[in-house]
PDB file of N, CA and C in Angstrom:
ATOM      1  N   MET A   1     -23.913  27.441  19.330  1.00  0.00           N
ATOM      2  CA  MET A   1     -22.565  27.543  19.777  1.00  0.00           C
ATOM      3  C   MET A   1     -22.287  28.783  19.551  1.00  0.00           C
ATOM      4  N   ALA A   2     -21.041  29.324  20.362  1.00  0.00           N
ATOM      5  CA  ALA A   2     -20.837  31.171  19.981  1.00  0.00           C
ATOM      6  C   ALA A   2     -19.875  31.371  18.808  1.00  0.00           C
ATOM      7  N   ASP A   3     -19.873  32.320  18.349  1.00  0.00           N
ATOM      8  CA  ASP A   3     -19.013  32.941  17.624  1.00  0.00           C
ATOM      9  C   ASP A   3     -18.198  33.986  18.196  1.00  0.00           C
ATOM     10  N   LEU A   4     -17.064  33.925  17.885  1.00  0.00           N
ATOM     11  CA  LEU A   4     -15.227  34.594  18.245  1.00  0.00           C
ATOM     12  C   LEU A   4     -14.762  35.290  17.103  1.00  0.00           C
ATOM     13  N   LEU A   5     -14.867  36.581  16.943  1.00  0.00           N
ATOM     14  CA  LEU A   5     -13.995  37.395  15.706  1.00  0.00           C
ATOM     15  C   LEU A   5     -12.654  37.856  16.845  1.00  0.00           C
ATOM     16  N   VAL A   6     -11.798  37.895  16.115  1.00  0.00           N
ATOM     17  CA  VAL A   6     -10.811  38.870  16.722  1.00  0.00           C
ATOM     18  C   VAL A   6     -10.472  39.815  15.331  1.00  0.00           C
ATOM     19  N   ARG A   7     -10.166  40.913  15.983  1.00  0.00           N
ATOM     20  CA  ARG A   7      -9.757  41.875  14.527  1.00  0.00           C
ATOM     21  C   ARG A   7      -8.398  42.230  15.136  1.00  0.00           C
ATOM     22  N   GLY A   8      -7.558  42.905  14.007  1.00  0.00           N
ATOM     23  CA  GLY A   8      -6.154  43.461  14.042  1.00  0.00           C
ATOM     24  C   GLY A   8      -5.091  42.714  13.701  1.00  0.00           C
ATOM     25  N   VAL A   9      -5.608  41.787  13.226  1.00  0.00           N
ATOM     26  CA  VAL A   9      -4.700  40.458  13.482  1.00  0.00           C
ATOM     27  C   VAL A   9      -3.850  40.530  12.311  1.00  0.00           C
ATOM     28  N   ASP A  10      -2.164  40.322  12.357  1.00  0.00           N
ATOM     29  CA  ASP A  10      -1.257  41.061  11.613  1.00  0.00           C
ATOM     30  C   ASP A  10      -0.810  40.291  10.294  1.00  0.00           C
ATOM     31  N   GLU A  11      -0.674  40.476   9.542  1.00  0.00           N
ATOM     32  CA  GLU A  11      -1.131  39.681   8.145  1.00  0.00           C
ATOM     33  C   GLU A  11      -0.112  38.074   8.450  1.00  0.00           C
ATOM     34  N   ARG A  12       0.824  38.538   8.993  1.00  0.00           N
ATOM     35  CA  ARG A  12       2.307  37.566   9.106  1.00  0.00           C
ATOM     36  C   ARG A  12       1.281  36.682   9.932  1.00  0.00           C
ATOM     37  N   LEU A  13       0.434  36.647  10.838  1.00  0.00           N
ATOM     38  CA  LEU A  13      -0.073  35.837  11.591  1.00  0.00           C
ATOM     39  C   LEU A  13      -1.244  34.659  10.901  1.00  0.00           C
ATOM     40  N   ILE A  14      -1.659  35.320  10.128  1.00  0.00           N
ATOM     41  CA  ILE A  14      -2.897  34.599   9.189  1.00  0.00           C
ATOM     42  C   ILE A  14      -2.395  34.098   8.519  1.00  0.00           C
ATOM     43  N   LYS A  15      -0.922  34.289   7.475  1.00  0.00           N
ATOM     44  CA  LYS A  15      -0.642  33.379   6.310  1.00  0.00           C
ATOM     45  C   LYS A  15      -0.092  32.315   7.473  1.00  0.00           C
ATOM     46  N   ALA A  16       0.208  32.466   8.717  1.00  0.00           N
ATOM     47  CA  ALA A  16       1.192  31.331   8.755  1.00  0.00           C
ATOM     48  C   ALA A  16       0.112  30.338   9.850  1.00  0.00           C
ATOM     49  N   LEU A  17      -0.769  31.035  10.062  1.00  0.00           N
ATOM     50  CA  LEU A  17      -2.478  29.961  10.582  1.00  0.00           C
ATOM     51  C   LEU A  17      -2.629  29.435   9.568  1.00  0.00           C
ATOM     52  N   GLU A  18      -2.772  30.158   8.529  1.00  0.00           N
ATOM     53  CA  GLU A  18      -3.070  29.296   6.684  1.00  0.00           C
ATOM     54  C   GLU A  18      -2.142  28.209   6.907  1.00  0.00           C
ATOM     55  N   ARG A  19      -0.502  28.194   6.711  1.00  0.00           N
ATOM     56  CA  ARG A  19       0.060  27.225   6.345  1.00  0.00           C
ATOM     57  C   ARG A  19       0.182  26.423   7.539  1.00  0.00           C
ATOM     58  N   GLU A  20      -0.220  26.530   9.032  1.00  0.00           N
ATOM     59  CA  GLU A  20      -0.265  25.366   9.516  1.00  0.00           C
ATOM     60  C   GLU A  20      -1.600  24.469   9.210  1.00  0.00           C
ATOM     61  N   ALA A  21      -3.048  25.213   8.547  1.00  0.00           N
ATOM     62  CA  ALA A  21      -3.598  24.584   8.622  1.00  0.00           C
ATOM     63  C   ALA A  21      -3.565  23.430   7.865  1.00  0.00           C
ATOM     64  N   ALA A  22      -3.323  23.966   6.564  1.00  0.00           N
ATOM     65  CA  ALA A  22      -3.029  23.515   5.293  1.00  0.00           C
ATOM     66  C   ALA A  22      -2.121  21.756   5.653  1.00  0.00           C
ATOM     67  N   ALA A  23      -0.820  22.334   6.288  1.00  0.00           N
ATOM     68  CA  ALA A  23      -0.080  21.158   7.197  1.00  0.00           C
ATOM     69  C   ALA A  23      -0.855  19.898   7.866  1.00  0.00           C
ATOM     70  N   HIS A  24      -1.697  20.518   8.482  1.00  0.00           N
ATOM     71  CA  HIS A  24      -2.791  20.104   9.569  1.00  0.00           C
ATOM     72  C   HIS A  24      -3.574  19.180   8.838  1.00  0.00           C
ATOM     73  N   GLY A  25      -3.941  19.738   7.640  1.00  0.00           N
ATOM     74  CA  GLY A  25      -5.450  19.229   6.394  1.00  0.00           C
ATOM     75  C   GLY A  25      -6.765  19.819   7.253  1.00  0.00           C
ATOM     76  N   ARG A  26      -6.914  20.677   7.712  1.00  0.00           N
ATOM     77  CA  ARG A  26      -7.804  21.432   8.093  1.00  0.00           C
ATOM     78  C   ARG A  26      -8.266  22.493   7.962  1.00  0.00           C
ATOM     79  N   SER A  27      -9.557  23.059   7.970  1.00  0.00           N
ATOM     80  CA  SER A  27      -9.764  24.462   7.231  1.00  0.00           C
ATOM     81  C   SER A  27      -9.180  25.614   8.866  1.00  0.00           C
ATOM     82  N   ALA A  28      -8.883  26.728   8.183  1.00  0.00           N
ATOM     83  CA  ALA A  28      -8.043  27.736   9.088  1.00  0.00           C
ATOM     84  C   ALA A  28      -8.895  27.797  10.525  1.00  0.00           C
ATOM     85  N   GLU A  29     -10.657  28.058  10.294  1.00  0.00           N
ATOM     86  CA  GLU A  29     -11.126  27.604  11.417  1.00  0.00           C
ATOM     87  C   GLU A  29     -11.177  26.635  12.033  1.00  0.00           C
ATOM     88  N   ALA A  30     -10.806  25.855  11.722  1.00  0.00           N
ATOM     89  CA  ALA A  30     -10.807  24.067  12.522  1.00  0.00           C
ATOM     90  C   ALA A  30      -9.280  24.476  12.898  1.00  0.00           C
ATOM     91  N   GLU A  31      -8.451  25.147  12.188  1.00  0.00           N
ATOM     92  CA  GLU A  31      -7.146  25.060  13.032  1.00  0.00           C
ATOM     93  C   GLU A  31      -7.314  26.545  14.415  1.00  0.00           C
ATOM     94  N   HIS A  32      -7.746  27.527  14.032  1.00  0.00           N
ATOM     95  CA  HIS A  32      -7.538  28.590  14.744  1.00  0.00           C
ATOM     96  C   HIS A  32      -8.530  27.587  16.190  1.00  0.00           C
ATOM     97  N   LEU A  33      -9.558  26.518  16.020  1.00  0.00           N
ATOM     98  CA  LEU A  33     -10.080  26.227  17.213  1.00  0.00           C
ATOM     99  C   LEU A  33      -9.133  25.316  17.933  1.00  0.00           C
ATOM    100  N   ALA A  34      -8.282  24.156  17.117  1.00  0.00           N
ATOM    101  CA  ALA A  34      -7.343  23.974  17.772  1.00  0.00           C
ATOM    102  C   ALA A  34      -6.308  24.355  18.578  1.00  0.00           C
ATOM    103  N   ILE A  35      -5.932  25.584  18.179  1.00  0.00           N
ATOM    104  CA  ILE A  35      -4.867  25.762  18.800  1.00  0.00           C
ATOM    105  C   ILE A  35      -5.524  26.975  20.130  1.00  0.00           C
ATOM    106  N   ILE A  36      -6.584  27.209  20.157  1.00  0.00           N
ATOM    107  CA  ILE A  36      -7.321  27.775  21.403  1.00  0.00           C
ATOM    108  C   ILE A  36      -7.652  26.725  22.198  1.00  0.00           C
ATOM    109  N   GLU A  37      -8.061  25.279  21.803  1.00  0.00           N
ATOM    110  CA  GLU A  37      -8.348  24.496  23.087  1.00  0.00           C
ATOM    111  C   GLU A  37      -7.044  24.302  23.254  1.00  0.00           C
ATOM    112  N   ASP A  38      -5.743  23.710  22.242  1.00  0.00           N
ATOM    113  CA  ASP A  38      -4.813  23.677  23.192  1.00  0.00           C
ATOM    114  C   ASP A  38      -3.866  24.808  24.136  1.00  0.00           C
ATOM    115  N   ALA A  39      -4.362  25.458  23.757  1.00  0.00           N
ATOM    116  CA  ALA A  39      -3.400  26.754  25.160  1.00  0.00           C
ATOM    117  C   ALA A  39      -4.623  26.816  25.820  1.00  0.00           C
ATOM    118  N   LEU A  40      -5.970  26.456  26.148  1.00  0.00           N
ATOM    119  CA  LEU A  40      -6.838  26.511  27.610  1.00  0.00           C
ATOM    120  C   LEU A  40      -6.246  24.719  27.820  1.00  0.00           C
ATOM    121  N   HIS A  41      -6.030  23.818  27.117  1.00  0.00           N
ATOM    122  CA  HIS A  41      -5.672  23.030  27.995  1.00  0.00           C
ATOM    123  C   HIS A  41      -4.633  22.650  28.950  1.00  0.00           C
ATOM    124  N   ARG A  42      -3.839  23.710  27.954  1.00  0.00           N
ATOM    125  CA  ARG A  42      -1.899  23.461  29.070  1.00  0.00           C
ATOM    126  C   ARG A  42      -2.382  24.409  30.031  1.00  0.00           C
ATOM    127  N   LEU A  43      -2.862  25.431  29.815  1.00  0.00           N
ATOM    128  CA  LEU A  43      -3.194  26.483  30.734  1.00  0.00           C
ATOM    129  C   LEU A  43      -3.744  25.680  32.198  1.00  0.00           C
ATOM    130  N   GLU A  44      -4.795  24.826  31.873  1.00  0.00           N
ATOM    131  CA  GLU A  44      -5.569  23.754  32.756  1.00  0.00           C
ATOM    132  C   GLU A  44      -4.336  22.999  33.410  1.00  0.00           C
ATOM    133  N   ASN A  45      -3.373  22.417  32.515  1.00  0.00           N
ATOM    134  CA  ASN A  45      -2.638  21.752  33.165  1.00  0.00           C
ATOM    135  C   ASN A  45      -1.732  22.163  34.196  1.00  0.00           C
ATOM    136  N   ARG A  46      -1.376  23.259  33.996  1.00  0.00           N
ATOM    137  CA  ARG A  46      -0.256  24.160  34.488  1.00  0.00           C
ATOM    138  C   ARG A  46      -1.154  24.493  36.151  1.00  0.00           C
ATOM    139  N   GLN A  47      -2.428  24.922  35.982  1.00  0.00           N
ATOM    140  CA  GLN A  47      -3.167  24.835  37.319  1.00  0.00           C
ATOM    141  C   GLN A  47      -3.317  23.853  37.825  1.00  0.00           C
ATOM    142  N   PHE A  48      -3.271  22.701  37.298  1.00  0.00           N
ATOM    143  CA  PHE A  48      -3.469  21.374  38.129  1.00  0.00           C
ATOM    144  C   PHE A  48      -2.079  21.013  38.953  1.00  0.00           C
ATOM    145  N   ILE A  49      -0.862  21.435  38.444  1.00  0.00           N
ATOM    146  CA  ILE A  49       0.179  20.671  38.200  1.00  0.00           C
ATOM    147  C   ILE A  49       0.782  21.996  39.428  1.00  0.00           C
ATOM    148  N   ARG A  50       0.319  23.205  39.778  1.00  0.00           N
ATOM    149  CA  ARG A  50       0.510  24.148  40.096  1.00  0.00           C
ATOM    150  C   ARG A  50       0.128  23.393  42.117  1.00  0.00           C
ATOM    151  N   LEU A  51      -1.144  23.135  42.138  1.00  0.00           N
ATOM    152  CA  LEU A  51      -2.138  22.746  42.879  1.00  0.00           C
ATOM    153  C   LEU A  51      -0.967  21.529  43.360  1.00  0.00           C
ATOM    154  N   LEU A  52      -0.623  20.574  42.611  1.00  0.00           N
ATOM    155  CA  LEU A  52       0.089  19.575  43.216  1.00  0.00           C
ATOM    156  C   LEU A  52       1.199  19.860  44.065  1.00  0.00           C
ATOM    157  N   MET A  53       2.018  20.385  43.454  1.00  0.00           N
ATOM    158  CA  MET A  53       3.257  21.050  43.929  1.00  0.00           C
ATOM    159  C   MET A  53       2.915  21.894  44.871  1.00  0.00           C
ATOM    160  N   SER A  54       2.003  22.271  45.758  1.00  0.00           N
ATOM    161  CA  SER A  54       1.479  23.288  46.788  1.00  0.00           C
ATOM    162  C   SER A  54       1.417  22.242  47.843  1.00  0.00           C
ATOM    163  N   MET A  55       1.399  20.942  47.597  1.00  0.00           N
ATOM    164  CA  MET A  55       0.290  20.371  48.239  1.00  0.00           C
ATOM    165  C   MET A  55       1.869  19.817  49.784  1.00  0.00           C
ATOM    166  N   PRO A  56       1.959  19.668  50.805  1.00  0.00           N
ATOM    167  CA  PRO A  56       3.253  19.576  51.700  1.00  0.00           C
ATOM    168  C   PRO A  56       3.741  18.770  51.720  1.00  0.00           C
ATOM    169  N   ASP A  57       5.063  18.044  51.466  1.00  0.00           N
ATOM    170  CA  ASP A  57       5.239  16.679  51.726  1.00  0.00           C
ATOM    171  C   ASP A  57       5.210  16.360  53.103  1.00  0.00           C
ATOM    172  N   VAL A  58       4.205  15.487  53.130  1.00  0.00           N
ATOM    173  CA  VAL A  58       3.977  15.085  54.913  1.00  0.00           C
ATOM    174  C   VAL A  58       4.610  13.243  54.948  1.00  0.00           C
ATOM    175  N   GLY A  59       5.575  13.090  54.254  1.00  0.00           N
ATOM    176  CA  GLY A  59       5.823  11.826  54.161  1.00  0.00           C
ATOM    177  C   GLY A  59       6.206  10.885  53.335  1.00  0.00           C
ATOM    178  N   GLU A  60       6.781   9.616  53.564  1.00  0.00           N
ATOM    179  CA  GLU A  60       6.921   8.858  51.753  1.00  0.00           C
ATOM    180  C   GLU A  60       5.923   7.778  51.383  1.00  0.00           C
ATOM    181  N   ASP A  61       5.977   7.641  50.257  1.00  0.00           N
ATOM    182  CA  ASP A  61       5.062   6.490  49.908  1.00  0.00           C
ATOM    183  C   ASP A  61       4.567   5.485  50.861  1.00  0.00           C
ATOM    184  N   ALA A  62       5.637   4.987  51.291  1.00  0.00           N
ATOM    185  CA  ALA A  62       5.124   3.619  52.175  1.00  0.00           C
ATOM    186  C   ALA A  62       4.408   4.203  52.975  1.00  0.00           C
ATOM    187  N   ASP A  63       5.222   5.177  53.627  1.00  0.00           N
ATOM    188  CA  ASP A  63       4.014   5.616  54.712  1.00  0.00           C
ATOM    189  C   ASP A  63       2.192   5.822  54.423  1.00  0.00           C
ATOM    190  N   PHE A  64       2.135   5.262  53.399  1.00  0.00           N
ATOM    191  CA  PHE A  64       0.596   5.900  53.410  1.00  0.00           C
ATOM    192  C   PHE A  64       0.158   3.938  52.317  1.00  0.00           C
ATOM    193  N   GLU A  65       1.175   2.958  51.964  1.00  0.00           N
ATOM    194  CA  GLU A  65       0.697   1.738  51.912  1.00  0.00           C
ATOM    195  C   GLU A  65      -0.174   1.360  52.927  1.00  0.00           C
ATOM    196  N   ARG A  66      -1.562   0.407  52.223  1.00  0.00           N
ATOM    197  CA  ARG A  66      -2.207  -0.302  52.743  1.00  0.00           C
ATOM    198  C   ARG A  66      -1.550  -1.365  53.498  1.00  0.00           C
ATOM    199  N   ILE A  67      -1.846  -2.078  54.788  1.00  0.00           N
ATOM    200  CA  ILE A  67      -1.819  -2.996  55.332  1.00  0.00           C
ATOM    201  C   ILE A  67      -2.645  -3.957  55.353  1.00  0.00           C
ATOM    202  N   ASP A  68      -2.554  -4.951  55.158  1.00  0.00           N
ATOM    203  CA  ASP A  68      -3.354  -6.344  55.022  1.00  0.00           C
ATOM    204  C   ASP A  68      -5.148  -6.140  54.783  1.00  0.00           C
ATOM    205  N   ASP A  69      -4.731  -5.561  53.770  1.00  0.00           N
ATOM    206  CA  ASP A  69      -5.801  -4.609  52.896  1.00  0.00           C
ATOM    207  C   ASP A  69      -7.160  -5.940  52.182  1.00  0.00           C
ATOM    208  N   THR A  70      -7.968  -6.259  52.724  1.00  0.00           N
ATOM    209  CA  THR A  70      -8.629  -7.361  52.103  1.00  0.00           C
ATOM    210  C   THR A  70      -9.896  -7.035  51.043  1.00  0.00           C
ATOM    211  N   GLY A  71      -9.848  -5.875  50.467  1.00  0.00           N
ATOM    212  CA  GLY A  71     -10.787  -5.423  49.815  1.00  0.00           C
ATOM    213  C   GLY A  71     -12.173  -5.125  50.441  1.00  0.00           C
ATOM    214  N   GLU A  72     -12.561  -5.054  51.635  1.00  0.00           N
ATOM    215  CA  GLU A  72     -13.774  -5.323  52.093  1.00  0.00           C
ATOM    216  C   GLU A  72     -13.187  -4.197  53.337  1.00  0.00           C
ATOM    217  N   ALA A  73     -15.125  -2.848  53.150  1.00  0.00           N
ATOM    218  CA  ALA A  73     -14.702  -2.383  54.090  1.00  0.00           C
ATOM    219  C   ALA A  73     -14.832  -2.728  55.385  1.00  0.00           C
ATOM    220  N   PRO A  74     -13.834  -1.591  56.463  1.00  0.00           N
ATOM    221  CA  PRO A  74     -13.584  -2.156  58.006  1.00  0.00           C
ATOM    222  C   PRO A  74     -15.252  -2.005  58.475  1.00  0.00           C
ATOM    223  N   VAL A  75     -15.714  -2.489  59.630  1.00  0.00           N
ATOM    224  CA  VAL A  75     -17.308  -2.345  60.062  1.00  0.00           C
ATOM    225  C   VAL A  75     -16.619  -1.486  61.384  1.00  0.00           C
ATOM    226  N   VAL A  76     -17.302  -0.145  60.977  1.00  0.00           N
ATOM    227  CA  VAL A  76     -17.343   0.957  62.295  1.00  0.00           C
ATOM    228  C   VAL A  76     -17.892   1.105  62.728  1.00  0.00           C
ATOM    229  N   PHE A  77     -18.962   0.846  62.813  1.00  0.00           N
ATOM    230  CA  PHE A  77     -20.416   1.074  63.419  1.00  0.00           C
ATOM    231  C   PHE A  77     -20.697  -0.870  63.796  1.00  0.00           C
ATOM    232  N   ASP A  78     -20.888  -1.128  65.170  1.00  0.00           N
ATOM    233  CA  ASP A  78     -21.339  -2.819  65.242  1.00  0.00           C
ATOM    234  C   ASP A  78     -22.999  -2.580  65.773  1.00  0.00           C
TER     235      ASP A  78
END
């Protein structure tokens, strides 16, 4: 695992981070990691949402319903 060092952090942020860590019952280091993971997870979700929103509106859901689906793959080659 790699280490991450952040320099020049305002003392108010450090104290707030320590309070959050205590409130969640974990170390300051574990709190830092949880915050970073949460922020990156939210970023990934926003990118996925943007992708979905960029898809063109090509019809209604009913247009894509399967008709008489037997659950078997169709015979394509005889």
